[in-house]
Amino acid sequence: MAANQFGYNAYVAAHGRKVKGIETGVSNIQNAINSGFANEFKYRMGNKTLGMYQQNLDEEQKRIADLYNKRTNIPSTATYTYVPVSRYNRLVIPAIPTYTEWLKYNR
């Protein structure tokens, strides 16, 4: 009976180790799969975040370009006042527009 008990105990121990090994292997596979999903999620979210930043930059560049174009589109009917600075050169000062004239070009 003792030999059978020893054999049974050895069988149970071996079976436990086998099951533990299988569980560890399955756990490692699950961790690898979850890690792959997590990395894919981080990759996609990172690209979406970069896309949002790029969109903000593009909009800001467009706003700056529009602002620059507004300021450089001076109407040809603008009047200028010439103020002599010295005998040899003149300083050109544009006439101050009225509020309604200013609104025409700054909307």
C-alpha atoms as a PDB file:
ATOM      1  CA  MET A   1       0.000   0.000   0.000  1.00  0.00           C
ATOM      2  CA  ALA A   2       2.833   2.355   0.766  1.00  0.00           C
ATOM      3  CA  ALA A   3       4.282   1.937  -2.710  1.00  0.00           C
ATOM      4  CA  ASN A   4       0.948   2.659  -4.280  1.00  0.00           C
ATOM      5  CA  GLN A   5       0.552   5.741  -2.080  1.00  0.00           C
ATOM      6  CA  PHE A   6       4.028   6.958  -3.114  1.00  0.00           C
ATOM      7  CA  GLY A   7       3.228   6.356  -6.759  1.00  0.00           C
ATOM      8  CA  TYR A   8      -0.053   8.199  -6.426  1.00  0.00           C
ATOM      9  CA  ASN A   9       1.667  11.138  -4.705  1.00  0.00           C
ATOM     10  CA  ALA A  10       4.310  11.244  -7.459  1.00  0.00           C
ATOM     11  CA  TYR A  11       1.538  11.117 -10.087  1.00  0.00           C
ATOM     12  CA  VAL A  12      -0.356  13.950  -8.399  1.00  0.00           C
ATOM     13  CA  ALA A  13       2.815  16.038  -8.129  1.00  0.00           C
ATOM     14  CA  ALA A  14       3.733  15.394 -11.765  1.00  0.00           C
ATOM     15  CA  HIS A  15       0.201  16.135 -12.891  1.00  0.00           C
ATOM     16  CA  GLY A  16       0.242  19.376 -10.878  1.00  0.00           C
ATOM     17  CA  ARG A  17       3.514  20.437 -12.494  1.00  0.00           C
ATOM     18  CA  LYS A  18       2.136  19.614 -15.953  1.00  0.00           C
ATOM     19  CA  VAL A  19      -1.038  21.618 -15.327  1.00  0.00           C
ATOM     20  CA  LYS A  20       0.978  24.477 -13.859  1.00  0.00           C
ATOM     21  CA  GLY A  21       3.209  24.486 -16.939  1.00  0.00           C
ATOM     22  CA  ILE A  22       0.183  24.545 -19.235  1.00  0.00           C
ATOM     23  CA  GLU A  23      -1.372  27.379 -17.224  1.00  0.00           C
ATOM     24  CA  THR A  24       1.891  29.325 -17.335  1.00  0.00           C
ATOM     25  CA  GLY A  25       2.150  28.824 -21.083  1.00  0.00           C
ATOM     26  CA  VAL A  26      -1.435  29.924 -21.653  1.00  0.00           C
ATOM     27  CA  SER A  27      -0.877  32.916 -19.388  1.00  0.00           C
ATOM     28  CA  ASN A  28       2.250  33.902 -21.349  1.00  0.00           C
ATOM     29  CA  ILE A  29       0.337  33.646 -24.627  1.00  0.00           C
ATOM     30  CA  GLN A  30      -2.478  35.802 -23.201  1.00  0.00           C
ATOM     31  CA  ASN A  31       0.058  38.381 -22.018  1.00  0.00           C
ATOM     32  CA  ALA A  32       1.656  38.482 -25.467  1.00  0.00           C
ATOM     33  CA  ILE A  33      -1.742  38.936 -27.138  1.00  0.00           C
ATOM     34  CA  ASN A  34      -2.771  41.663 -24.686  1.00  0.00           C
ATOM     35  CA  SER A  35       0.572  43.394 -25.131  1.00  0.00           C
ATOM     36  CA  GLY A  36       0.102  43.325 -28.912  1.00  0.00           C
ATOM     37  CA  PHE A  37      -3.383  44.837 -28.617  1.00  0.00           C
ATOM     38  CA  ALA A  38      -2.093  47.480 -26.199  1.00  0.00           C
ATOM     39  CA  ASN A  39       0.769  48.410 -28.538  1.00  0.00           C
ATOM     40  CA  GLU A  40      -1.609  48.646 -31.497  1.00  0.00           C
ATOM     41  CA  PHE A  41      -3.958  50.848 -29.460  1.00  0.00           C
ATOM     42  CA  LYS A  42      -1.085  53.131 -28.402  1.00  0.00           C
ATOM     43  CA  TYR A  43       0.126  53.320 -32.010  1.00  0.00           C
ATOM     44  CA  ARG A  44      -3.316  54.299 -33.324  1.00  0.00           C
ATOM     45  CA  MET A  45      -3.954  56.808 -30.547  1.00  0.00           C
ATOM     46  CA  GLY A  46      -0.515  58.323 -31.077  1.00  0.00           C
ATOM     47  CA  ASN A  47      -1.191  58.747 -34.784  1.00  0.00           C
ATOM     48  CA  LYS A  48      -4.598  60.283 -34.086  1.00  0.00           C
ATOM     49  CA  THR A  49      -3.047  62.703 -31.595  1.00  0.00           C
ATOM     50  CA  LEU A  50      -0.357  63.668 -34.096  1.00  0.00           C
ATOM     51  CA  GLY A  51      -3.067  64.160 -36.705  1.00  0.00           C
ATOM     52  CA  MET A  52      -4.934  66.534 -34.389  1.00  0.00           C
ATOM     53  CA  TYR A  53      -1.744  68.513 -33.705  1.00  0.00           C
ATOM     54  CA  GLN A  54      -1.027  68.666 -37.446  1.00  0.00           C
ATOM     55  CA  GLN A  55      -4.577  69.871 -38.124  1.00  0.00           C
ATOM     56  CA  ASN A  56      -4.159  72.597 -35.488  1.00  0.00           C
ATOM     57  CA  LEU A  57      -0.856  73.636 -37.065  1.00  0.00           C
ATOM     58  CA  ASP A  58      -2.408  73.745 -40.532  1.00  0.00           C
ATOM     59  CA  GLU A  59      -5.308  75.869 -39.278  1.00  0.00           C
ATOM     60  CA  GLU A  60      -2.920  78.213 -37.465  1.00  0.00           C
ATOM     61  CA  GLN A  61      -0.761  78.580 -40.580  1.00  0.00           C
ATOM     62  CA  LYS A  62      -3.884  79.328 -42.624  1.00  0.00           C
ATOM     63  CA  ARG A  63      -4.991  81.960 -40.093  1.00  0.00           C
ATOM     64  CA  ILE A  64      -1.549  83.566 -40.159  1.00  0.00           C
ATOM     65  CA  ALA A  65      -1.516  83.556 -43.964  1.00  0.00           C
ATOM     66  CA  ASP A  66      -5.000  85.118 -44.057  1.00  0.00           C
ATOM     67  CA  LEU A  67      -3.920  87.762 -41.552  1.00  0.00           C
ATOM     68  CA  TYR A  68      -0.815  88.514 -43.584  1.00  0.00           C
ATOM     69  CA  ASN A  69      -2.843  88.730 -46.797  1.00  0.00           C
ATOM     70  CA  LYS A  70      -5.330  91.107 -45.147  1.00  0.00           C
ATOM     71  CA  ARG A  71      -2.554  93.407 -44.010  1.00  0.00           C
ATOM     72  CA  THR A  72      -0.724  93.388 -47.346  1.00  0.00           C
ATOM     73  CA  ASN A  73      -3.847  93.991 -49.467  1.00  0.00           C
ATOM     74  CA  ILE A  74      -3.711  97.772 -49.196  1.00  0.00           C
ATOM     75  CA  PRO A  75      -6.275  99.404 -51.449  1.00  0.00           C
ATOM     76  CA  SER A  76      -4.891 101.385 -54.361  1.00  0.00           C
ATOM     77  CA  THR A  77      -6.992 104.386 -53.342  1.00  0.00           C
ATOM     78  CA  ALA A  78      -5.060 104.859 -50.086  1.00  0.00           C
ATOM     79  CA  THR A  79      -3.841 108.376 -49.545  1.00  0.00           C
ATOM     80  CA  TYR A  80      -0.374 109.117 -48.277  1.00  0.00           C
ATOM     81  CA  THR A  81       1.006 112.118 -46.535  1.00  0.00           C
ATOM     82  CA  TYR A  82       4.568 113.125 -47.294  1.00  0.00           C
ATOM     83  CA  VAL A  83       6.453 114.554 -44.384  1.00  0.00           C
ATOM     84  CA  PRO A  84       9.897 115.922 -45.191  1.00  0.00           C
ATOM     85  CA  VAL A  85      12.536 114.431 -42.909  1.00  0.00           C
ATOM     86  CA  SER A  86      15.532 116.088 -44.471  1.00  0.00           C
ATOM     87  CA  ARG A  87      16.503 117.695 -47.752  1.00  0.00           C
ATOM     88  CA  TYR A  88      17.409 114.368 -49.347  1.00  0.00           C
ATOM     89  CA  ASN A  89      14.767 111.865 -48.285  1.00  0.00           C
ATOM     90  CA  ARG A  90      11.136 111.822 -47.322  1.00  0.00           C
ATOM     91  CA  LEU A  91       9.255 109.748 -44.762  1.00  0.00           C
ATOM     92  CA  VAL A  92       5.986 108.348 -46.127  1.00  0.00           C
ATOM     93  CA  ILE A  93       3.200 108.119 -43.563  1.00  0.00           C
ATOM     94  CA  PRO A  94      -0.090 106.576 -44.682  1.00  0.00           C
ATOM     95  CA  ALA A  95      -3.198 108.567 -43.882  1.00  0.00           C
ATOM     96  CA  ILE A  96      -5.129 107.288 -40.873  1.00  0.00           C
ATOM     97  CA  PRO A  97      -8.272 105.527 -42.142  1.00  0.00           C
ATOM     98  CA  THR A  98     -11.679 106.144 -40.649  1.00  0.00           C
ATOM     99  CA  TYR A  99     -13.365 103.396 -38.708  1.00  0.00           C
ATOM    100  CA  THR A 100     -15.612 102.432 -41.645  1.00  0.00           C
ATOM    101  CA  GLU A 101     -12.618 102.271 -43.997  1.00  0.00           C
ATOM    102  CA  TRP A 102     -10.801 100.105 -41.486  1.00  0.00           C
ATOM    103  CA  LEU A 103     -13.801  97.752 -41.239  1.00  0.00           C
ATOM    104  CA  LYS A 104     -13.847  97.303 -45.018  1.00  0.00           C
ATOM    105  CA  TYR A 105     -10.428  95.641 -45.007  1.00  0.00           C
ATOM    106  CA  ASN A 106     -10.364  93.979 -41.570  1.00  0.00           C
ATOM    107  CA  ARG A 107     -13.375  91.703 -41.436  1.00  0.00           C
END
